[in-house]
Amino acid sequence: MNKGLLSFVLAVGGLAAFHIGLFPVFTPKEIGWVFNRYVYYLLFAFYLVFIHVGLRLKPPMALRALYVWGMGFYFYESILYPPVPWTLFITYMTMWSIGTFLYISQDPLTFREFRAPIVKVIVGDYKLARMVIFVALPFLVGFGTYKALYPHFEEPVELRTVHPAPPATTRVHGKNYTLEGLNNPFRTDEQDNYKDSFPFLDADKQEYMKSVTEGGTIFFQNCHFCHGDQLNGLGMFSHVFNPTPANFIDPGTIAMLRESFLFWRVSKGGPGLPNESTPWSSAMPPWEEHLKTEEIWKVILFEYWYTGWHPRTFDTESSAGKE
């Protein structure tokens, strides 16, 4: 057998045997002075030197350059731990490639020996090799480009709950509230009784509209910047948030929620969301730090009155808002 071919077979076979058989042995969970990946790498390098010296193999310069370059690639790819970032890996391999080139170009004879098989392939002396290379090269370039551009990891699935289950109790302004059965203290009457009334205009005539007026005043002082003048989630600041603020006109928001749920959400804001609602990234602040308890309830009362929705209840299948 040709000594160059024998050298290549022993080198590739030895790498496969070492990596599959010995590498797991030299990389235990508890790293020791002997059993570690760097000792393993030195043993593999010693194996390459031993087979070439012992068998008196003298591979051509191109093959020796491949061994030197491959040893560097194998070290940075599989041996060095922890793995370096890709950009740093490219930097190290560029430096290693420059060193390999300096090795093969140390004198004119060495460099001539290195490029001799390359020249013979190009000019056609090695016809079979030339045919294989020129046929395979476009496919290899295309495959490499495909692998470089194709994403290696699928985009993570974000499983999040828009309206999470509220806790059994919540603490606001030092007082514990049991959310089950908690009612809006200012919903003293059915809101449809005041469908022809108006905030501000009828605040002095009806106690219910007085609470709605006070809630609307607080809303337009604090909430309309995000939730909008029409409560449609299109306030002047809404475009900077993702997702956008809640649209109360939409039947999928407050129309399907209990007032106690809104009391908890408004009081605790985005920071009070449970884990199943992340990464929902609600930008709403915890309004308990800025509003009194009764002010929060009045804002909720105004939101239902303005949109015409009724808070959800579980004691009746109708849409009436009776407590």
C-alpha atoms as a PDB file:
ATOM      1  CA  MET A   1       0.000   0.000   0.000  1.00  0.00           C
ATOM      2  CA  ASN A   2       1.145   3.515  -0.755  1.00  0.00           C
ATOM      3  CA  LYS A   3       2.693   5.025   2.393  1.00  0.00           C
ATOM      4  CA  GLY A   4       0.762   8.255   1.964  1.00  0.00           C
ATOM      5  CA  LEU A   5      -2.536   6.389   1.758  1.00  0.00           C
ATOM      6  CA  LEU A   6      -1.553   4.182   4.721  1.00  0.00           C
ATOM      7  CA  SER A   7      -0.725   7.285   6.744  1.00  0.00           C
ATOM      8  CA  PHE A   8      -4.112   8.819   5.950  1.00  0.00           C
ATOM      9  CA  VAL A   9      -6.018   5.621   6.815  1.00  0.00           C
ATOM     10  CA  LEU A  10      -4.205   5.211  10.140  1.00  0.00           C
ATOM     11  CA  ALA A  11      -4.719   8.877  11.024  1.00  0.00           C
ATOM     12  CA  VAL A  12      -8.457   8.890  10.255  1.00  0.00           C
ATOM     13  CA  GLY A  13      -9.023   5.455  11.809  1.00  0.00           C
ATOM     14  CA  GLY A  14      -7.059   6.453  14.897  1.00  0.00           C
ATOM     15  CA  LEU A  15      -9.092   9.663  15.285  1.00  0.00           C
ATOM     16  CA  ALA A  16     -12.354   7.698  15.079  1.00  0.00           C
ATOM     17  CA  ALA A  17     -11.143   5.108  17.606  1.00  0.00           C
ATOM     18  CA  PHE A  18      -9.822   7.726  20.016  1.00  0.00           C
ATOM     19  CA  HIS A  19     -12.873   9.987  19.811  1.00  0.00           C
ATOM     20  CA  ILE A  20     -15.440   7.214  20.158  1.00  0.00           C
ATOM     21  CA  GLY A  21     -13.586   4.904  22.506  1.00  0.00           C
ATOM     22  CA  LEU A  22     -11.242   7.001  24.660  1.00  0.00           C
ATOM     23  CA  PHE A  23     -12.746  10.480  24.673  1.00  0.00           C
ATOM     24  CA  PRO A  24     -15.673   9.519  26.987  1.00  0.00           C
ATOM     25  CA  VAL A  25     -13.175   7.836  29.347  1.00  0.00           C
ATOM     26  CA  PHE A  26     -11.016  10.957  29.594  1.00  0.00           C
ATOM     27  CA  THR A  27     -13.976  13.308  30.135  1.00  0.00           C
ATOM     28  CA  PRO A  28     -15.598  12.116  33.385  1.00  0.00           C
ATOM     29  CA  LYS A  29     -17.812  14.353  35.501  1.00  0.00           C
ATOM     30  CA  GLU A  30     -15.057  14.657  38.065  1.00  0.00           C
ATOM     31  CA  ILE A  31     -11.970  15.857  36.171  1.00  0.00           C
ATOM     32  CA  GLY A  32      -8.630  14.529  37.432  1.00  0.00           C
ATOM     33  CA  TRP A  33      -4.960  15.137  36.680  1.00  0.00           C
ATOM     34  CA  VAL A  34      -4.816  12.133  34.352  1.00  0.00           C
ATOM     35  CA  PHE A  35      -8.345  11.703  33.100  1.00  0.00           C
ATOM     36  CA  ASN A  36      -9.041  14.985  31.387  1.00  0.00           C
ATOM     37  CA  ARG A  37      -9.503  16.097  27.789  1.00  0.00           C
ATOM     38  CA  TYR A  38      -6.072  17.704  27.480  1.00  0.00           C
ATOM     39  CA  VAL A  39      -4.219  14.522  28.430  1.00  0.00           C
ATOM     40  CA  TYR A  40      -6.402  12.726  25.899  1.00  0.00           C
ATOM     41  CA  TYR A  41      -5.376  15.237  23.218  1.00  0.00           C
ATOM     42  CA  LEU A  42      -1.679  14.740  24.008  1.00  0.00           C
ATOM     43  CA  LEU A  43      -2.139  10.956  23.770  1.00  0.00           C
ATOM     44  CA  PHE A  44      -3.736  11.321  20.335  1.00  0.00           C
ATOM     45  CA  ALA A  45      -0.888  13.579  19.167  1.00  0.00           C
ATOM     46  CA  PHE A  46       1.615  11.023  20.515  1.00  0.00           C
ATOM     47  CA  TYR A  47      -0.246   8.285  18.578  1.00  0.00           C
ATOM     48  CA  LEU A  48       0.146  10.204  15.304  1.00  0.00           C
ATOM     49  CA  VAL A  49       3.857  10.744  15.912  1.00  0.00           C
ATOM     50  CA  PHE A  50       4.393   7.114  16.970  1.00  0.00           C
ATOM     51  CA  ILE A  51       2.745   5.514  13.910  1.00  0.00           C
ATOM     52  CA  HIS A  52       4.673   7.739  11.516  1.00  0.00           C
ATOM     53  CA  VAL A  53       8.034   7.250  13.221  1.00  0.00           C
ATOM     54  CA  GLY A  54       7.498   3.579  14.037  1.00  0.00           C
ATOM     55  CA  LEU A  55       6.290   2.651  10.559  1.00  0.00           C
ATOM     56  CA  ARG A  56       8.659   5.093   8.882  1.00  0.00           C
ATOM     57  CA  LEU A  57       5.823   6.761   7.062  1.00  0.00           C
ATOM     58  CA  LYS A  58       6.617   9.949   5.285  1.00  0.00           C
ATOM     59  CA  PRO A  59       3.364  11.403   3.913  1.00  0.00           C
ATOM     60  CA  PRO A  60       3.538  14.159   1.307  1.00  0.00           C
ATOM     61  CA  MET A  61       3.738  17.737   2.500  1.00  0.00           C
ATOM     62  CA  ALA A  62       0.082  18.424   1.595  1.00  0.00           C
ATOM     63  CA  LEU A  63      -1.026  15.580   3.886  1.00  0.00           C
ATOM     64  CA  ARG A  64       1.248  16.769   6.683  1.00  0.00           C
ATOM     65  CA  ALA A  65      -0.224  20.266   6.360  1.00  0.00           C
ATOM     66  CA  LEU A  66      -3.692  18.715   6.581  1.00  0.00           C
ATOM     67  CA  TYR A  67      -2.705  16.917   9.801  1.00  0.00           C
ATOM     68  CA  VAL A  68      -1.358  20.120  11.367  1.00  0.00           C
ATOM     69  CA  TRP A  69      -4.444  22.120  10.411  1.00  0.00           C
ATOM     70  CA  GLY A  70      -6.779  19.302  11.464  1.00  0.00           C
ATOM     71  CA  MET A  71      -5.153  19.019  14.893  1.00  0.00           C
ATOM     72  CA  GLY A  72      -5.860  22.693  15.496  1.00  0.00           C
ATOM     73  CA  PHE A  73      -9.452  22.361  14.329  1.00  0.00           C
ATOM     74  CA  TYR A  74     -10.005  19.296  16.502  1.00  0.00           C
ATOM     75  CA  PHE A  75      -8.581  21.061  19.547  1.00  0.00           C
ATOM     76  CA  TYR A  76     -10.743  24.175  19.276  1.00  0.00           C
ATOM     77  CA  GLU A  77     -13.837  22.270  18.183  1.00  0.00           C
ATOM     78  CA  SER A  78     -13.861  19.317  20.593  1.00  0.00           C
ATOM     79  CA  ILE A  79     -11.107  19.607  23.207  1.00  0.00           C
ATOM     80  CA  LEU A  80     -11.095  23.177  24.475  1.00  0.00           C
ATOM     81  CA  TYR A  81     -13.600  23.600  27.301  1.00  0.00           C
ATOM     82  CA  PRO A  82     -15.738  25.560  27.808  1.00  0.00           C
ATOM     83  CA  PRO A  83     -16.372  26.017  24.083  1.00  0.00           C
ATOM     84  CA  VAL A  84     -15.364  29.392  22.696  1.00  0.00           C
ATOM     85  CA  PRO A  85     -17.842  31.600  20.781  1.00  0.00           C
ATOM     86  CA  TRP A  86     -18.011  31.145  17.031  1.00  0.00           C
ATOM     87  CA  THR A  87     -16.322  34.483  16.298  1.00  0.00           C
ATOM     88  CA  LEU A  88     -13.439  33.600  18.596  1.00  0.00           C
ATOM     89  CA  PHE A  89     -13.225  30.137  17.035  1.00  0.00           C
ATOM     90  CA  ILE A  90     -12.855  31.735  13.596  1.00  0.00           C
ATOM     91  CA  THR A  91     -10.142  34.040  14.944  1.00  0.00           C
ATOM     92  CA  TYR A  92      -8.150  31.159  16.449  1.00  0.00           C
ATOM     93  CA  MET A  93      -8.468  29.034  13.318  1.00  0.00           C
ATOM     94  CA  THR A  94      -7.363  31.938  11.137  1.00  0.00           C
ATOM     95  CA  MET A  95      -4.234  32.285  13.232  1.00  0.00           C
ATOM     96  CA  TRP A  96      -3.708  28.506  13.142  1.00  0.00           C
ATOM     97  CA  SER A  97      -4.128  28.501   9.345  1.00  0.00           C
ATOM     98  CA  ILE A  98      -1.520  31.248   9.036  1.00  0.00           C
ATOM     99  CA  GLY A  99       0.848  29.160  11.145  1.00  0.00           C
ATOM    100  CA  THR A 100       0.183  26.125   8.958  1.00  0.00           C
ATOM    101  CA  PHE A 101       0.934  28.146   5.844  1.00  0.00           C
ATOM    102  CA  LEU A 102       4.203  29.362   7.388  1.00  0.00           C
ATOM    103  CA  TYR A 103       5.086  25.721   8.077  1.00  0.00           C
ATOM    104  CA  ILE A 104       4.539  24.605   4.480  1.00  0.00           C
ATOM    105  CA  SER A 105       6.272  27.654   2.993  1.00  0.00           C
ATOM    106  CA  GLN A 106       9.385  27.557   5.164  1.00  0.00           C
ATOM    107  CA  ASP A 107      11.570  27.055   2.059  1.00  0.00           C
ATOM    108  CA  PRO A 108      11.038  26.779  -1.725  1.00  0.00           C
ATOM    109  CA  LEU A 109      11.425  22.987  -1.793  1.00  0.00           C
ATOM    110  CA  THR A 110       8.841  22.444   0.918  1.00  0.00           C
ATOM    111  CA  PHE A 111       6.337  24.766  -0.709  1.00  0.00           C
ATOM    112  CA  ARG A 112       6.921  23.195  -4.130  1.00  0.00           C
ATOM    113  CA  GLU A 113       6.266  19.772  -2.624  1.00  0.00           C
ATOM    114  CA  PHE A 114       3.088  21.046  -1.001  1.00  0.00           C
ATOM    115  CA  ARG A 115       1.615  22.536  -4.156  1.00  0.00           C
ATOM    116  CA  ALA A 116       2.734  19.749  -6.523  1.00  0.00           C
ATOM    117  CA  PRO A 117      -0.459  17.605  -6.160  1.00  0.00           C
ATOM    118  CA  ILE A 118      -2.627  20.725  -6.379  1.00  0.00           C
ATOM    119  CA  VAL A 119      -0.956  21.741  -9.661  1.00  0.00           C
ATOM    120  CA  LYS A 120      -1.314  18.218 -11.063  1.00  0.00           C
ATOM    121  CA  VAL A 121      -5.042  18.240 -10.293  1.00  0.00           C
ATOM    122  CA  ILE A 122      -5.503  21.621 -11.955  1.00  0.00           C
ATOM    123  CA  VAL A 123      -3.519  20.817 -15.121  1.00  0.00           C
ATOM    124  CA  GLY A 124      -5.175  17.429 -15.478  1.00  0.00           C
ATOM    125  CA  ASP A 125      -2.481  14.929 -14.530  1.00  0.00           C
ATOM    126  CA  TYR A 126      -4.827  13.574 -11.854  1.00  0.00           C
ATOM    127  CA  LYS A 127      -7.918  13.368 -14.043  1.00  0.00           C
ATOM    128  CA  LEU A 128     -10.100  11.388 -11.666  1.00  0.00           C
ATOM    129  CA  ALA A 129      -9.305  13.696  -8.763  1.00  0.00           C
ATOM    130  CA  ARG A 130      -9.977  16.697 -10.977  1.00  0.00           C
ATOM    131  CA  MET A 131     -13.382  15.367 -12.044  1.00  0.00           C
ATOM    132  CA  VAL A 132     -14.395  14.571  -8.472  1.00  0.00           C
ATOM    133  CA  ILE A 133     -13.311  17.970  -7.142  1.00  0.00           C
ATOM    134  CA  PHE A 134     -14.916  20.065  -9.877  1.00  0.00           C
ATOM    135  CA  VAL A 135     -18.162  18.102  -9.631  1.00  0.00           C
ATOM    136  CA  ALA A 136     -18.316  18.065  -5.851  1.00  0.00           C
ATOM    137  CA  LEU A 137     -17.129  21.635  -5.242  1.00  0.00           C
ATOM    138  CA  PRO A 138     -20.358  23.409  -6.339  1.00  0.00           C
ATOM    139  CA  PHE A 139     -22.409  21.046  -4.191  1.00  0.00           C
ATOM    140  CA  LEU A 140     -20.154  21.587  -1.196  1.00  0.00           C
ATOM    141  CA  VAL A 141     -20.296  25.369  -1.585  1.00  0.00           C
ATOM    142  CA  GLY A 142     -24.072  25.276  -1.937  1.00  0.00           C
ATOM    143  CA  PHE A 143     -24.486  22.976   1.056  1.00  0.00           C
ATOM    144  CA  GLY A 144     -22.172  25.145   3.156  1.00  0.00           C
ATOM    145  CA  THR A 145     -24.134  28.259   2.227  1.00  0.00           C
ATOM    146  CA  TYR A 146     -27.413  26.506   3.037  1.00  0.00           C
ATOM    147  CA  LYS A 147     -26.133  25.370   6.437  1.00  0.00           C
ATOM    148  CA  ALA A 148     -24.808  28.844   7.219  1.00  0.00           C
ATOM    149  CA  LEU A 149     -28.079  30.597   6.372  1.00  0.00           C
ATOM    150  CA  TYR A 150     -30.547  28.025   7.694  1.00  0.00           C
ATOM    151  CA  PRO A 151     -31.480  28.699  11.356  1.00  0.00           C
ATOM    152  CA  HIS A 152     -30.108  26.003  13.618  1.00  0.00           C
ATOM    153  CA  PHE A 153     -32.818  26.346  16.257  1.00  0.00           C
ATOM    154  CA  GLU A 154     -36.533  26.672  15.845  1.00  0.00           C
ATOM    155  CA  GLU A 155     -38.060  29.858  17.206  1.00  0.00           C
ATOM    156  CA  PRO A 156     -39.155  29.159  20.796  1.00  0.00           C
ATOM    157  CA  VAL A 157     -42.874  28.769  21.301  1.00  0.00           C
ATOM    158  CA  GLU A 158     -44.291  31.334  23.683  1.00  0.00           C
ATOM    159  CA  LEU A 159     -47.176  29.757  25.579  1.00  0.00           C
ATOM    160  CA  ARG A 160     -48.689  32.588  27.546  1.00  0.00           C
ATOM    161  CA  THR A 161     -52.056  33.339  29.107  1.00  0.00           C
ATOM    162  CA  VAL A 162     -53.572  36.730  28.398  1.00  0.00           C
ATOM    163  CA  HIS A 163     -56.090  36.526  31.240  1.00  0.00           C
ATOM    164  CA  PRO A 164     -54.465  34.309  33.885  1.00  0.00           C
ATOM    165  CA  ALA A 165     -56.315  32.726  36.768  1.00  0.00           C
ATOM    166  CA  PRO A 166     -56.299  35.230  39.639  1.00  0.00           C
ATOM    167  CA  PRO A 167     -55.058  34.264  43.088  1.00  0.00           C
ATOM    168  CA  ALA A 168     -57.549  33.364  45.789  1.00  0.00           C
ATOM    169  CA  THR A 169     -56.705  36.512  47.734  1.00  0.00           C
ATOM    170  CA  THR A 170     -54.879  39.750  47.088  1.00  0.00           C
ATOM    171  CA  ARG A 171     -53.531  42.359  49.461  1.00  0.00           C
ATOM    172  CA  VAL A 172     -54.134  46.002  48.589  1.00  0.00           C
ATOM    173  CA  HIS A 173     -53.200  48.906  50.860  1.00  0.00           C
ATOM    174  CA  GLY A 174     -52.594  46.579  53.763  1.00  0.00           C
ATOM    175  CA  LYS A 175     -55.948  44.791  53.530  1.00  0.00           C
ATOM    176  CA  ASN A 176     -56.568  41.239  52.303  1.00  0.00           C
ATOM    177  CA  TYR A 177     -59.371  40.730  49.768  1.00  0.00           C
ATOM    178  CA  THR A 178     -60.894  37.377  48.853  1.00  0.00           C
ATOM    179  CA  LEU A 179     -61.497  37.712  45.125  1.00  0.00           C
ATOM    180  CA  GLU A 180     -64.175  35.029  44.987  1.00  0.00           C
ATOM    181  CA  GLY A 181     -67.440  36.849  45.605  1.00  0.00           C
ATOM    182  CA  LEU A 182     -65.781  40.269  45.832  1.00  0.00           C
ATOM    183  CA  ASN A 183     -68.105  42.950  44.455  1.00  0.00           C
ATOM    184  CA  ASN A 184     -67.605  46.529  43.373  1.00  0.00           C
ATOM    185  CA  PRO A 185     -68.876  48.563  46.364  1.00  0.00           C
ATOM    186  CA  PHE A 186     -69.961  51.368  44.022  1.00  0.00           C
ATOM    187  CA  ARG A 187     -72.115  49.142  41.800  1.00  0.00           C
ATOM    188  CA  THR A 188     -75.230  49.842  43.835  1.00  0.00           C
ATOM    189  CA  ASP A 189     -77.633  49.660  40.926  1.00  0.00           C
ATOM    190  CA  GLU A 190     -77.955  48.232  37.420  1.00  0.00           C
ATOM    191  CA  GLN A 191     -75.976  50.397  35.010  1.00  0.00           C
ATOM    192  CA  ASP A 192     -78.643  50.147  32.294  1.00  0.00           C
ATOM    193  CA  ASN A 193     -80.848  52.284  34.492  1.00  0.00           C
ATOM    194  CA  TYR A 194     -78.515  55.147  33.624  1.00  0.00           C
ATOM    195  CA  LYS A 195     -78.028  54.580  29.901  1.00  0.00           C
ATOM    196  CA  ASP A 196     -79.551  57.995  29.165  1.00  0.00           C
ATOM    197  CA  SER A 197     -77.465  59.723  31.812  1.00  0.00           C
ATOM    198  CA  PHE A 198     -74.075  61.321  31.340  1.00  0.00           C
ATOM    199  CA  PRO A 199     -71.031  61.672  33.549  1.00  0.00           C
ATOM    200  CA  PHE A 200     -70.337  65.156  34.816  1.00  0.00           C
ATOM    201  CA  LEU A 201     -73.784  66.401  33.704  1.00  0.00           C
ATOM    202  CA  ASP A 202     -75.772  64.100  36.006  1.00  0.00           C
ATOM    203  CA  ALA A 203     -73.172  63.592  38.737  1.00  0.00           C
ATOM    204  CA  ASP A 204     -75.101  65.826  41.142  1.00  0.00           C
ATOM    205  CA  LYS A 205     -78.435  64.140  40.460  1.00  0.00           C
ATOM    206  CA  GLN A 206     -77.601  60.440  40.822  1.00  0.00           C
ATOM    207  CA  GLU A 207     -75.166  58.780  43.200  1.00  0.00           C
ATOM    208  CA  TYR A 208     -74.341  56.094  40.647  1.00  0.00           C
ATOM    209  CA  MET A 209     -73.378  58.667  38.008  1.00  0.00           C
ATOM    210  CA  LYS A 210     -71.331  60.513  40.613  1.00  0.00           C
ATOM    211  CA  SER A 211     -69.139  57.408  41.059  1.00  0.00           C
ATOM    212  CA  VAL A 212     -68.928  56.962  37.268  1.00  0.00           C
ATOM    213  CA  THR A 213     -67.896  60.607  36.908  1.00  0.00           C
ATOM    214  CA  GLU A 214     -65.205  60.301  39.540  1.00  0.00           C
ATOM    215  CA  GLY A 215     -63.920  57.115  37.916  1.00  0.00           C
ATOM    216  CA  GLY A 216     -63.875  58.794  34.504  1.00  0.00           C
ATOM    217  CA  THR A 217     -61.954  61.746  35.899  1.00  0.00           C
ATOM    218  CA  ILE A 218     -59.307  59.404  37.318  1.00  0.00           C
ATOM    219  CA  PHE A 219     -59.204  57.447  34.055  1.00  0.00           C
ATOM    220  CA  PHE A 220     -58.560  60.525  31.924  1.00  0.00           C
ATOM    221  CA  GLN A 221     -55.958  61.760  34.375  1.00  0.00           C
ATOM    222  CA  ASN A 222     -53.980  58.502  34.436  1.00  0.00           C
ATOM    223  CA  CYS A 223     -55.117  55.805  31.993  1.00  0.00           C
ATOM    224  CA  HIS A 224     -56.149  57.366  28.688  1.00  0.00           C
ATOM    225  CA  PHE A 225     -52.517  57.940  27.648  1.00  0.00           C
ATOM    226  CA  CYS A 226     -52.265  54.193  26.960  1.00  0.00           C
ATOM    227  CA  HIS A 227     -55.849  52.888  26.766  1.00  0.00           C
ATOM    228  CA  GLY A 228     -57.094  55.806  24.662  1.00  0.00           C
ATOM    229  CA  ASP A 229     -59.783  58.462  24.948  1.00  0.00           C
ATOM    230  CA  GLN A 230     -62.280  55.950  23.563  1.00  0.00           C
ATOM    231  CA  LEU A 231     -60.952  53.061  25.700  1.00  0.00           C
ATOM    232  CA  ASN A 232     -59.940  51.234  22.515  1.00  0.00           C
ATOM    233  CA  GLY A 233     -56.271  50.670  23.482  1.00  0.00           C
ATOM    234  CA  LEU A 234     -55.045  53.334  21.044  1.00  0.00           C
ATOM    235  CA  GLY A 235     -53.749  55.990  23.381  1.00  0.00           C
ATOM    236  CA  MET A 236     -50.947  58.352  22.424  1.00  0.00           C
ATOM    237  CA  PHE A 237     -48.346  56.056  24.022  1.00  0.00           C
ATOM    238  CA  SER A 238     -49.850  52.744  22.864  1.00  0.00           C
ATOM    239  CA  HIS A 239     -47.648  52.383  19.778  1.00  0.00           C
ATOM    240  CA  VAL A 240     -44.495  51.932  21.882  1.00  0.00           C
ATOM    241  CA  PHE A 241     -45.841  48.844  23.673  1.00  0.00           C
ATOM    242  CA  ASN A 242     -45.843  45.254  22.458  1.00  0.00           C
ATOM    243  CA  PRO A 243     -48.455  43.998  23.026  1.00  0.00           C
ATOM    244  CA  THR A 244     -50.547  47.154  22.892  1.00  0.00           C
ATOM    245  CA  PRO A 245     -52.657  48.180  25.906  1.00  0.00           C
ATOM    246  CA  ALA A 246     -55.982  46.430  26.420  1.00  0.00           C
ATOM    247  CA  ASN A 247     -58.863  47.434  24.183  1.00  0.00           C
ATOM    248  CA  PHE A 248     -61.897  47.640  26.485  1.00  0.00           C
ATOM    249  CA  ILE A 249     -64.266  47.984  23.518  1.00  0.00           C
ATOM    250  CA  ASP A 250     -63.259  44.485  22.394  1.00  0.00           C
ATOM    251  CA  PRO A 251     -65.660  41.810  23.738  1.00  0.00           C
ATOM    252  CA  GLY A 252     -62.631  39.653  24.578  1.00  0.00           C
ATOM    253  CA  THR A 253     -61.438  41.880  27.418  1.00  0.00           C
ATOM    254  CA  ILE A 254     -63.500  43.302  30.302  1.00  0.00           C
ATOM    255  CA  ALA A 255     -66.760  41.912  28.883  1.00  0.00           C
ATOM    256  CA  MET A 256     -65.631  38.395  29.816  1.00  0.00           C
ATOM    257  CA  LEU A 257     -64.056  39.283  33.156  1.00  0.00           C
ATOM    258  CA  ARG A 258     -65.316  39.784  36.681  1.00  0.00           C
ATOM    259  CA  GLU A 259     -64.865  43.106  38.390  1.00  0.00           C
ATOM    260  CA  SER A 260     -62.814  41.404  41.108  1.00  0.00           C
ATOM    261  CA  PHE A 261     -60.386  40.251  38.398  1.00  0.00           C
ATOM    262  CA  LEU A 262     -59.999  43.824  37.166  1.00  0.00           C
ATOM    263  CA  PHE A 263     -59.498  45.004  40.726  1.00  0.00           C
ATOM    264  CA  TRP A 264     -56.590  42.549  41.107  1.00  0.00           C
ATOM    265  CA  ARG A 265     -55.061  43.341  37.685  1.00  0.00           C
ATOM    266  CA  VAL A 266     -55.306  47.110  38.056  1.00  0.00           C
ATOM    267  CA  SER A 267     -53.950  47.016  41.606  1.00  0.00           C
ATOM    268  CA  LYS A 268     -50.963  44.781  40.841  1.00  0.00           C
ATOM    269  CA  GLY A 269     -50.295  45.799  37.218  1.00  0.00           C
ATOM    270  CA  GLY A 270     -47.762  44.039  35.011  1.00  0.00           C
ATOM    271  CA  PRO A 271     -45.330  43.234  37.852  1.00  0.00           C
ATOM    272  CA  GLY A 272     -48.070  41.221  39.572  1.00  0.00           C
ATOM    273  CA  LEU A 273     -48.665  38.810  36.694  1.00  0.00           C
ATOM    274  CA  PRO A 274     -48.061  35.104  37.455  1.00  0.00           C
ATOM    275  CA  ASN A 275     -45.499  33.030  35.550  1.00  0.00           C
ATOM    276  CA  GLU A 276     -48.001  31.630  33.060  1.00  0.00           C
ATOM    277  CA  SER A 277     -48.609  35.131  31.716  1.00  0.00           C
ATOM    278  CA  THR A 278     -44.975  35.827  30.947  1.00  0.00           C
ATOM    279  CA  PRO A 279     -43.527  36.913  28.602  1.00  0.00           C
ATOM    280  CA  TRP A 280     -46.703  38.984  28.160  1.00  0.00           C
ATOM    281  CA  SER A 281     -44.681  42.037  29.210  1.00  0.00           C
ATOM    282  CA  SER A 282     -47.597  44.125  30.416  1.00  0.00           C
ATOM    283  CA  ALA A 283     -46.421  47.705  30.868  1.00  0.00           C
ATOM    284  CA  MET A 284     -49.236  48.650  33.245  1.00  0.00           C
ATOM    285  CA  PRO A 285     -47.882  49.889  36.581  1.00  0.00           C
ATOM    286  CA  PRO A 286     -49.248  48.638  39.908  1.00  0.00           C
ATOM    287  CA  TRP A 287     -51.901  51.310  40.418  1.00  0.00           C
ATOM    288  CA  GLU A 288     -52.248  50.518  44.119  1.00  0.00           C
ATOM    289  CA  GLU A 289     -49.098  52.604  44.480  1.00  0.00           C
ATOM    290  CA  HIS A 290     -50.824  55.643  42.938  1.00  0.00           C
ATOM    291  CA  LEU A 291     -54.569  55.312  43.562  1.00  0.00           C
ATOM    292  CA  LYS A 292     -56.729  54.669  46.595  1.00  0.00           C
ATOM    293  CA  THR A 293     -58.801  51.493  46.785  1.00  0.00           C
ATOM    294  CA  GLU A 294     -62.070  53.294  46.150  1.00  0.00           C
ATOM    295  CA  GLU A 295     -60.518  55.126  43.196  1.00  0.00           C
ATOM    296  CA  ILE A 296     -59.605  51.814  41.574  1.00  0.00           C
ATOM    297  CA  TRP A 297     -63.181  50.560  41.984  1.00  0.00           C
ATOM    298  CA  LYS A 298     -64.599  53.778  40.483  1.00  0.00           C
ATOM    299  CA  VAL A 299     -62.309  53.544  37.440  1.00  0.00           C
ATOM    300  CA  ILE A 300     -63.555  49.989  36.867  1.00  0.00           C
ATOM    301  CA  LEU A 301     -67.145  51.183  37.214  1.00  0.00           C
ATOM    302  CA  PHE A 302     -66.523  53.896  34.617  1.00  0.00           C
ATOM    303  CA  GLU A 303     -64.911  51.456  32.152  1.00  0.00           C
ATOM    304  CA  TYR A 304     -67.954  49.187  32.187  1.00  0.00           C
ATOM    305  CA  TRP A 305     -70.392  52.098  31.928  1.00  0.00           C
ATOM    306  CA  TYR A 306     -68.535  53.733  29.038  1.00  0.00           C
ATOM    307  CA  THR A 307     -68.156  50.552  26.964  1.00  0.00           C
ATOM    308  CA  GLY A 308     -71.668  49.291  27.689  1.00  0.00           C
ATOM    309  CA  TRP A 309     -70.357  45.887  28.801  1.00  0.00           C
ATOM    310  CA  HIS A 310     -71.490  44.167  31.974  1.00  0.00           C
ATOM    311  CA  PRO A 311     -69.058  42.439  34.313  1.00  0.00           C
ATOM    312  CA  ARG A 312     -69.116  38.682  34.144  1.00  0.00           C
ATOM    313  CA  THR A 313     -70.831  36.778  36.938  1.00  0.00           C
ATOM    314  CA  PHE A 314     -70.986  33.062  37.673  1.00  0.00           C
ATOM    315  CA  ASP A 315     -74.309  33.003  39.506  1.00  0.00           C
ATOM    316  CA  THR A 316     -76.321  33.568  36.319  1.00  0.00           C
ATOM    317  CA  GLU A 317     -76.007  32.800  32.634  1.00  0.00           C
ATOM    318  CA  SER A 318     -77.419  36.198  31.663  1.00  0.00           C
ATOM    319  CA  SER A 319     -75.251  39.172  30.854  1.00  0.00           C
ATOM    320  CA  ALA A 320     -76.825  41.300  33.569  1.00  0.00           C
ATOM    321  CA  GLY A 321     -74.424  42.928  35.932  1.00  0.00           C
ATOM    322  CA  LYS A 322     -76.323  42.333  39.152  1.00  0.00           C
ATOM    323  CA  GLU A 323     -74.223  41.370  42.154  1.00  0.00           C
END
